Protein backbone atom coordinates (compact mmCIF):
# COMPACT_ATOMS: atom_id res chain seq x y z
CA MET A 1 -22.14 21.13 2.66
CA HIS A 2 -22.10 21.85 -1.03
CA LYS A 3 -21.46 19.28 -3.67
CA LYS A 4 -18.33 21.27 -4.25
CA ASN A 5 -17.03 21.71 -0.69
CA ILE A 6 -17.25 17.54 -0.68
CA ILE A 7 -15.82 16.85 -3.93
CA TRP A 8 -12.62 19.06 -3.07
CA LEU A 9 -12.36 17.95 0.61
CA LEU A 10 -12.73 14.16 -0.98
CA PHE A 11 -9.74 15.44 -3.54
CA VAL A 12 -7.39 16.94 -0.93
CA ALA A 13 -7.68 13.68 1.60
CA PHE A 14 -6.99 11.10 -1.34
CA LEU A 15 -4.08 13.31 -2.89
CA PRO A 16 -1.41 11.77 -0.77
CA LEU A 17 -2.28 8.16 -1.84
CA PHE A 18 -2.01 9.29 -5.41
CA VAL A 19 1.21 11.00 -5.30
CA MET A 20 2.73 7.59 -3.07
CA ALA A 21 1.32 5.55 -6.04
CA GLN A 22 3.08 7.12 -8.75
CA LYS A 23 6.46 6.89 -7.05
CA ASN A 24 6.59 3.14 -6.53
CA ASN A 25 7.05 0.72 -9.05
CA PHE A 26 6.68 -2.57 -7.65
CA GLU A 27 6.77 -6.03 -10.25
CA ILE A 28 7.85 -9.47 -10.34
CA LYS A 29 10.02 -11.31 -12.61
CA ASP A 30 12.81 -14.09 -12.48
CA GLY A 31 10.94 -14.92 -9.45
CA ALA A 32 11.77 -12.43 -7.34
CA PHE A 33 10.13 -9.02 -6.47
CA TYR A 34 11.16 -5.99 -7.06
CA ARG A 35 10.29 -2.62 -5.66
CA ASN A 36 11.94 0.35 -7.90
CA GLY A 37 14.45 -1.88 -9.29
CA LYS A 38 15.92 -3.00 -6.48
CA VAL A 39 15.24 -6.79 -5.15
CA THR A 40 12.63 -6.96 -2.22
CA PRO A 41 12.12 -9.66 -0.02
CA ILE A 42 8.63 -10.36 1.24
CA ILE A 43 8.33 -11.48 4.98
CA SER A 44 5.27 -12.77 6.05
CA GLY A 45 3.88 -14.89 8.56
CA GLU A 46 0.55 -16.11 10.75
CA MET A 47 -0.76 -16.51 14.16
CA HIS A 48 -3.07 -18.88 15.47
CA TYR A 49 -4.54 -17.17 18.34
CA PRO A 50 -6.39 -20.49 19.95
CA ARG A 51 -2.36 -21.91 20.41
CA ILE A 52 -1.22 -18.82 22.27
CA PRO A 53 -0.84 -19.45 25.86
CA HIS A 54 -3.19 -17.25 28.26
């Protein structure tokens, strides 16, 4: 492929990531997480695979 075709292909492939990144606003203030101006809880967990029964 020509260099221009490769650059164009990469641009088209990553374009949705750039569009999505501009729509969301994430910030931390007053001890809370805010996404697009609304309080958003962060839910997380962990799993220890040696403790899972077979």
